[in-house]
Amino acid sequence: MMAAPAIRTRITSLFGCKYPLILPGMSWISDPTLVSAVSNAGGVGILATGPLSADETRNAIRTIRSNTDKPFGIGTTLLMPGAEANAKVAIEEQVPIINISLGKGDWIAERVHEYNGKILATVTNAKHAQSAIDSGADALMLTGHEAAAHGGDVTSLVLIPCISKRFPDVPIVAAGGFADGRTLSAAIALGADAVAMGSRFATTKESSLAHQMKEIIANPELSGGSTESDTIYGKNFDGIPARVLKSAESSRLNKKPASLPLVIYRAFNAAQKMNIPLYKVIPGLITQFDKMYMVAQFGAATESLMKATVDGNYDEGVQFIGQSQGLIEDIPAVDELVQRIILEAIETSSQTFETFSDKE
């Protein structure tokens, strides 16, 4: 079958990719295998560095480079322990795209621009978008309320046109609610230049997400399946408002926040499992308690996340997922999925154009 034609947007021009499809950095999922697959298929894969040490990040970057000569990126959540070290590794390795979130990345942007790299900043509102642009962001990833994990308060339907109107010269990647060609076409119509499809790319053959979770997400049955309604959004699970797959365990953990002693205990355990020295965690708890308590809550949630994402334990674990799971009904190969999405987007856009065209 002939490949879908290249799609030209400000994002494909900025990043040098064929299609306006982005794999966001998802811990334990966006690994070198999936990143390479998405980039080779014409999109842009972003490596998740949250669970990685600096050495692991360097090795992962080099593995990606051995698998593809296409553009790729790494994600760094600046609020989290180890993020600065991973960002410095990415700069040393001259990674083409660095996706920053939850922090001011002006120092990263300055160094990345020295080798003509690009900064993609993840934001959820206009205030954060302005701050990111002032700090040197080349493009924005807008995370709508529908998104898996830490989406904002505003839905993509409203967020995209609001931010694109306020910042018309800044390319936009829309995240939250996108999983097929129809939603890609809709995002472009709303003012985006590309979409991030975390939940959709997570449910592919090349993804390292536990197969048991893939099967649950890809089950469209109204009774016992995972529909667009089968998610929970709240801040009690990991300290930051987040969307997860609905289950008995995720419902229990979202009812009320864990006690402070339990959070700190579980956070230290998580830090040890992720090879993060405790001396990097303790000072922050003392000097920046509010921020570090939130980080500690996130760290405490790691065990539950890994049970689902890595081990496939639906009953005892918690899985980040977006409302777009209602659009996911299979587990295809990445290249097959990308081609399907682009061809459907082209067809949808043509039909929309015909609807609004002058007719006799």
Protein backbone atom coordinates (compact mmCIF):
# COMPACT_ATOMS: atom_id res chain seq x y z
CA MET A 1 0.00 0.00 0.00
CA MET A 2 1.26 3.46 -0.88
CA ALA A 3 2.28 5.56 2.11
CA ALA A 4 0.16 8.53 3.09
CA PRO A 5 1.53 11.84 1.79
CA ALA A 6 3.55 14.08 4.08
CA ILE A 7 1.53 16.66 6.01
CA ARG A 8 3.00 20.14 6.28
CA THR A 9 2.34 22.17 9.42
CA ARG A 10 4.43 24.53 11.53
CA ILE A 11 5.32 21.61 13.80
CA THR A 12 6.43 19.27 11.01
CA SER A 13 8.55 22.12 9.62
CA LEU A 14 10.00 23.00 13.04
CA PHE A 15 10.82 19.43 14.04
CA GLY A 16 11.61 18.07 10.57
CA CYS A 17 9.11 15.19 10.73
CA LYS A 18 6.73 13.84 8.08
CA TYR A 19 3.50 13.73 10.07
CA PRO A 20 2.09 15.94 12.88
CA LEU A 21 1.95 13.12 15.43
CA ILE A 22 3.84 13.15 18.73
CA LEU A 23 4.50 10.39 21.24
CA PRO A 24 4.68 12.18 24.62
CA GLY A 25 7.10 11.00 27.27
CA MET A 26 5.23 8.44 29.43
CA SER A 27 7.17 6.74 32.22
CA TRP A 28 7.86 3.04 31.60
CA ILE A 29 6.15 3.30 28.18
CA SER A 30 7.99 5.85 26.04
CA ASP A 31 11.21 3.85 25.90
CA PRO A 32 13.77 3.64 23.07
CA THR A 33 11.78 0.96 21.23
CA LEU A 34 8.53 2.92 21.08
CA VAL A 35 10.27 6.28 20.54
CA SER A 36 12.18 4.86 17.57
CA ALA A 37 9.05 3.23 16.13
CA VAL A 38 7.08 6.48 16.20
CA SER A 39 9.92 8.52 14.72
CA ASN A 40 10.54 5.91 12.00
CA ALA A 41 6.82 5.98 11.18
CA GLY A 42 7.01 9.72 10.48
CA GLY A 43 6.05 11.22 13.83
CA VAL A 44 8.22 12.35 16.73
CA GLY A 45 8.88 10.07 19.69
CA ILE A 46 9.76 11.62 23.05
CA LEU A 47 11.72 9.54 25.55
CA ALA A 48 10.43 9.49 29.13
CA THR A 49 13.37 10.16 31.47
CA GLY A 50 11.50 10.34 34.78
CA PRO A 51 12.42 6.79 35.88
CA LEU A 52 15.95 7.00 34.43
CA SER A 53 19.29 7.94 35.92
CA ALA A 54 21.64 10.18 33.96
CA ASP A 55 23.61 7.18 32.69
CA GLU A 56 20.41 5.35 31.70
CA THR A 57 19.21 8.44 29.87
CA ARG A 58 22.47 8.67 27.93
CA ASN A 59 22.31 4.99 26.98
CA ALA A 60 18.66 5.33 25.94
CA ILE A 61 19.45 8.32 23.71
CA ARG A 62 22.25 6.42 22.02
CA THR A 63 20.01 3.38 21.54
CA ILE A 64 17.40 5.57 19.85
CA ARG A 65 20.05 7.00 17.57
CA SER A 66 21.12 3.49 16.61
CA ASN A 67 17.51 2.67 15.70
CA THR A 68 16.56 5.78 13.74
CA ASP A 69 17.99 8.79 11.96
CA LYS A 70 14.69 10.63 12.32
CA PRO A 71 13.91 13.47 14.78
CA PHE A 72 13.18 12.52 18.40
CA GLY A 73 13.12 14.17 21.79
CA ILE A 74 13.37 13.62 25.51
CA GLY A 75 11.00 14.77 28.23
CA THR A 76 12.08 16.30 31.51
CA THR A 77 9.75 17.22 34.38
CA LEU A 78 11.87 19.86 36.07
CA LEU A 79 10.14 19.66 39.45
CA MET A 80 11.21 16.04 39.89
CA PRO A 81 14.51 14.79 41.37
CA GLY A 82 17.06 13.90 38.70
CA ALA A 83 15.45 16.04 35.99
CA GLU A 84 18.28 18.58 35.81
CA ALA A 85 20.90 15.86 35.43
CA ASN A 86 18.90 14.19 32.65
CA ALA A 87 18.43 17.51 30.87
CA LYS A 88 22.18 18.14 30.97
CA VAL A 89 22.80 14.70 29.44
CA ALA A 90 20.32 15.45 26.66
CA ILE A 91 22.11 18.73 25.95
CA GLU A 92 25.50 17.00 25.90
CA GLU A 93 24.07 14.45 23.45
CA GLN A 94 22.49 17.28 21.42
CA VAL A 95 19.03 15.75 21.39
CA PRO A 96 17.00 17.57 18.70
CA ILE A 97 13.92 18.26 20.84
CA ILE A 98 13.59 18.69 24.60
CA ASN A 99 10.11 18.69 26.12
CA ILE A 100 10.06 20.52 29.46
CA SER A 101 7.27 20.66 32.03
CA LEU A 102 6.61 21.80 35.60
CA GLY A 103 9.46 24.25 35.82
CA LYS A 104 11.32 27.17 34.28
CA GLY A 105 13.58 25.96 31.49
CA ASP A 106 15.34 29.12 30.31
CA TRP A 107 18.79 27.68 31.02
CA ILE A 108 17.89 24.59 29.00
CA ALA A 109 16.56 26.63 26.08
CA GLU A 110 19.70 28.77 25.96
CA ARG A 111 21.98 25.75 25.65
CA VAL A 112 19.71 23.79 23.31
CA HIS A 113 19.44 26.71 20.90
CA GLU A 114 23.24 26.80 20.67
CA TYR A 115 23.12 23.59 18.62
CA ASN A 116 19.84 24.54 16.89
CA GLY A 117 17.75 22.20 19.00
CA LYS A 118 14.12 22.95 19.82
CA ILE A 119 12.20 23.40 23.07
CA LEU A 120 8.67 22.06 23.41
CA ALA A 121 7.06 23.28 26.66
CA THR A 122 4.07 21.50 28.17
CA VAL A 123 1.47 23.90 29.61
CA THR A 124 -2.18 23.88 30.65
CA ASN A 125 -3.15 27.55 30.55
CA ALA A 126 -2.28 30.96 29.07
CA LYS A 127 -0.26 32.12 32.09
CA HIS A 128 2.06 29.13 31.88
CA ALA A 129 2.20 29.46 28.09
CA GLN A 130 3.44 33.05 28.39
CA SER A 131 6.06 32.02 30.94
CA ALA A 132 7.26 29.20 28.69
CA ILE A 133 7.55 31.50 25.69
CA ASP A 134 9.45 34.06 27.77
CA SER A 135 11.82 31.25 28.81
CA GLY A 136 12.62 30.37 25.20
CA ALA A 137 10.08 27.74 24.17
CA ASP A 138 9.86 27.21 20.41
CA ALA A 139 6.50 25.43 20.62
CA LEU A 140 3.82 24.62 23.19
CA MET A 141 2.20 21.32 24.09
CA LEU A 142 -1.27 22.16 25.39
CA THR A 143 -2.58 19.49 27.75
CA GLY A 144 -6.36 19.52 27.89
CA HIS A 145 -8.64 18.14 30.57
CA GLU A 146 -9.24 14.94 28.59
CA ALA A 147 -5.57 13.89 28.75
CA ALA A 148 -4.05 10.99 30.62
CA ALA A 149 -2.11 11.86 33.75
CA HIS A 150 -1.72 15.58 34.46
CA GLY A 151 -4.09 17.44 32.17
CA GLY A 152 -5.40 20.89 32.97
CA ASP A 153 -8.84 22.19 33.96
CA VAL A 154 -9.85 23.29 30.45
CA THR A 155 -10.87 20.91 27.68
CA SER A 156 -8.92 20.77 24.44
CA LEU A 157 -11.96 22.06 22.54
CA VAL A 158 -11.59 25.40 24.33
CA LEU A 159 -7.90 25.43 25.25
CA ILE A 160 -6.53 25.07 21.70
CA PRO A 161 -8.39 27.99 20.07
CA CYS A 162 -7.85 30.21 23.14
CA ILE A 163 -4.08 29.72 23.23
CA SER A 164 -3.64 29.74 19.45
CA LYS A 165 -5.52 33.04 19.27
CA ARG A 166 -3.51 34.58 22.11
CA PHE A 167 -0.15 33.38 20.76
CA PRO A 168 -0.68 33.14 16.98
CA ASP A 169 3.03 32.94 16.14
CA VAL A 170 3.77 29.92 18.34
CA PRO A 171 3.34 26.36 16.97
CA ILE A 172 1.05 24.19 19.07
CA VAL A 173 0.90 20.48 19.86
CA ALA A 174 -2.50 19.53 21.24
CA ALA A 175 -2.70 16.78 23.88
CA GLY A 176 -5.82 15.31 25.43
CA GLY A 177 -8.59 13.57 23.51
CA PHE A 178 -6.72 12.65 20.31
CA ALA A 179 -6.46 9.08 19.06
CA ASP A 180 -7.53 8.90 15.42
CA GLY A 181 -7.69 10.81 12.14
CA ARG A 182 -10.94 12.57 12.96
CA THR A 183 -9.52 14.06 16.15
CA LEU A 184 -6.29 15.04 14.38
CA SER A 185 -8.33 16.85 11.74
CA ALA A 186 -10.37 18.55 14.47
CA ALA A 187 -7.23 19.69 16.30
CA ILE A 188 -5.84 21.28 13.14
CA ALA A 189 -9.16 23.06 12.58
CA LEU A 190 -9.05 24.39 16.16
CA GLY A 191 -5.61 25.94 15.66
CA ALA A 192 -3.14 23.19 16.56
CA ASP A 193 -0.21 22.16 14.37
CA ALA A 194 0.10 18.60 15.66
CA VAL A 195 -1.33 16.26 18.26
CA ALA A 196 0.19 14.14 21.01
CA MET A 197 -1.44 10.71 21.28
CA GLY A 198 -0.14 9.12 24.47
CA SER A 199 -2.95 6.69 25.19
CA ARG A 200 -3.18 5.63 21.54
CA PHE A 201 0.56 5.01 21.06
CA ALA A 202 0.72 3.26 24.43
CA THR A 203 -1.73 0.70 23.08
CA THR A 204 0.41 -0.54 20.18
CA LYS A 205 2.49 -3.65 19.58
CA GLU A 206 5.81 -1.84 20.11
CA SER A 207 4.72 -0.30 23.41
CA SER A 208 6.14 -1.76 26.62
CA LEU A 209 2.88 -1.15 28.46
CA ALA A 210 1.87 -4.46 30.05
CA HIS A 211 -0.21 -6.49 27.60
CA GLN A 212 -2.93 -7.05 30.20
CA MET A 213 -3.46 -3.27 30.39
CA LYS A 214 -3.45 -2.93 26.61
CA GLU A 215 -6.23 -5.48 26.37
CA ILE A 216 -8.30 -3.70 29.00
CA ILE A 217 -7.88 -0.30 27.33
CA ALA A 218 -8.64 -1.67 23.87
CA ASN A 219 -11.86 -3.39 24.98
CA PRO A 220 -14.75 -1.29 23.64
CA GLU A 221 -17.53 -3.24 25.35
CA LEU A 222 -19.97 -1.11 27.32
CA SER A 223 -20.17 -3.78 30.01
CA GLY A 224 -16.72 -4.47 31.43
CA GLY A 225 -14.78 -2.54 28.79
CA SER A 226 -12.90 0.76 28.92
CA THR A 227 -14.97 3.56 27.45
CA GLU A 228 -14.47 7.32 27.46
CA SER A 229 -16.37 7.39 30.76
CA ASP A 230 -14.17 4.87 32.54
CA THR A 231 -11.59 7.28 33.95
CA ILE A 232 -11.19 9.20 37.22
CA TYR A 233 -9.77 12.73 37.53
CA GLY A 234 -8.52 13.99 40.89
CA LYS A 235 -5.48 15.14 42.87
CA ASN A 236 -5.50 12.74 45.80
CA PHE A 237 -3.68 9.93 44.00
CA ASP A 238 -0.31 11.57 43.31
CA GLY A 239 -0.65 15.16 44.52
CA ILE A 240 -1.24 16.69 41.09
CA PRO A 241 -4.66 16.61 39.37
CA ALA A 242 -4.44 13.49 37.21
CA ARG A 243 -6.62 11.23 35.07
CA VAL A 244 -6.38 7.47 35.59
CA LEU A 245 -8.21 4.34 34.49
CA LYS A 246 -11.24 3.66 36.66
CA SER A 247 -10.85 0.65 38.95
CA ALA A 248 -11.62 -0.29 42.52
CA GLU A 249 -8.04 0.56 43.54
CA SER A 250 -7.86 3.93 41.74
CA SER A 251 -11.24 4.87 43.22
CA ARG A 252 -9.99 4.02 46.71
CA LEU A 253 -6.76 5.97 46.35
CA ASN A 254 -8.57 9.03 45.00
CA LYS A 255 -10.99 9.27 47.91
CA LYS A 256 -8.54 11.03 50.21
CA PRO A 257 -4.83 11.93 50.22
CA ALA A 258 -2.40 9.65 52.01
CA SER A 259 -1.06 10.74 55.40
CA LEU A 260 2.20 12.70 55.48
CA PRO A 261 4.28 9.97 57.18
CA LEU A 262 3.05 7.37 54.67
CA VAL A 263 3.75 9.66 51.72
CA ILE A 264 7.32 10.36 52.86
CA TYR A 265 7.98 6.69 53.62
CA ARG A 266 6.71 5.54 50.22
CA ALA A 267 8.50 8.41 48.46
CA PHE A 268 11.84 7.39 49.97
CA ASN A 269 11.22 3.80 48.91
CA ALA A 270 10.41 4.96 45.39
CA ALA A 271 13.55 7.11 45.31
CA GLN A 272 15.66 4.09 46.25
CA LYS A 273 14.04 1.94 43.55
CA MET A 274 14.73 4.68 40.97
CA ASN A 275 18.35 5.05 42.22
CA ILE A 276 17.75 8.63 43.37
CA PRO A 277 20.00 9.40 46.38
CA LEU A 278 18.06 10.44 49.47
CA TYR A 279 20.33 13.48 49.89
CA LYS A 280 18.65 14.90 46.79
CA VAL A 281 15.19 14.51 48.32
CA ILE A 282 15.60 15.47 52.00
CA PRO A 283 16.83 19.10 51.53
CA GLY A 284 13.86 19.89 49.34
CA LEU A 285 11.42 18.59 51.92
CA ILE A 286 12.93 21.02 54.41
CA THR A 287 13.40 24.16 52.29
CA GLN A 288 10.54 23.82 49.75
CA PHE A 289 8.01 21.80 51.68
CA ASP A 290 4.91 22.50 49.55
CA LYS A 291 6.60 21.63 46.26
CA MET A 292 8.50 18.69 47.63
CA TYR A 293 5.45 17.32 49.41
CA MET A 294 3.76 17.24 46.01
CA VAL A 295 6.84 15.51 44.59
CA ALA A 296 6.78 13.09 47.52
CA GLN A 297 3.14 12.27 46.80
CA PHE A 298 4.05 11.58 43.19
CA GLY A 299 6.92 9.41 44.29
CA ALA A 300 4.63 7.54 46.66
CA ALA A 301 2.30 6.82 43.73
CA THR A 302 5.11 5.20 41.74
CA GLU A 303 4.55 1.77 43.25
CA SER A 304 0.88 1.72 42.20
CA LEU A 305 1.70 3.02 38.72
CA MET A 306 4.36 0.38 38.15
CA LYS A 307 2.04 -2.40 39.29
CA ALA A 308 -0.32 -1.55 36.43
CA THR A 309 1.99 -0.18 33.73
CA VAL A 310 4.87 -2.63 34.15
CA ASP A 311 3.31 -5.67 35.86
CA GLY A 312 -0.17 -5.50 34.31
CA ASN A 313 -1.85 -5.77 37.72
CA TYR A 314 -5.20 -4.05 37.13
CA ASP A 315 -6.62 -4.98 40.55
CA GLU A 316 -3.78 -3.54 42.67
CA GLY A 317 -2.22 -0.96 40.33
CA VAL A 318 -3.23 2.40 38.86
CA GLN A 319 -2.93 3.22 35.16
CA PHE A 320 -2.70 6.73 33.69
CA ILE A 321 -5.11 6.91 30.73
CA GLY A 322 -6.98 9.58 28.80
CA GLN A 323 -10.62 9.80 27.84
CA SER A 324 -9.51 8.99 24.30
CA GLN A 325 -9.45 5.34 25.39
CA GLY A 326 -13.04 5.35 24.16
CA LEU A 327 -11.60 5.57 20.63
CA ILE A 328 -9.12 2.70 21.11
CA GLU A 329 -10.35 -0.69 19.97
CA ASP A 330 -7.24 -2.54 18.79
CA ILE A 331 -3.50 -3.02 19.33
CA PRO A 332 -1.85 -2.28 15.96
CA ALA A 333 1.78 -1.81 14.96
CA VAL A 334 2.90 1.83 15.13
CA ASP A 335 3.46 2.26 11.39
CA GLU A 336 0.07 0.75 10.58
CA LEU A 337 -1.57 3.08 13.10
CA VAL A 338 0.17 6.20 11.80
CA GLN A 339 -0.84 5.48 8.21
CA ARG A 340 -4.45 4.85 9.26
CA ILE A 341 -4.60 8.09 11.24
CA ILE A 342 -3.14 10.26 8.47
CA LEU A 343 -5.37 8.80 5.75
CA GLU A 344 -8.46 9.20 7.94
CA ALA A 345 -7.47 12.79 8.76
CA ILE A 346 -7.11 13.61 5.07
CA GLU A 347 -10.50 12.10 4.30
CA THR A 348 -12.16 13.85 7.24
CA SER A 349 -10.69 17.21 6.30
CA SER A 350 -11.88 16.79 2.71
CA GLN A 351 -15.39 15.98 3.88
CA THR A 352 -15.38 19.01 6.18
CA PHE A 353 -14.23 21.23 3.33
CA GLU A 354 -17.03 19.93 1.11
CA THR A 355 -19.58 20.62 3.83
CA PHE A 356 -18.61 24.27 4.01
CA SER A 357 -17.97 24.77 0.30
CA ASP A 358 -20.33 26.75 -1.88
CA LYS A 359 -22.92 24.48 -3.45
CA GLU A 360 -25.48 25.16 -6.13
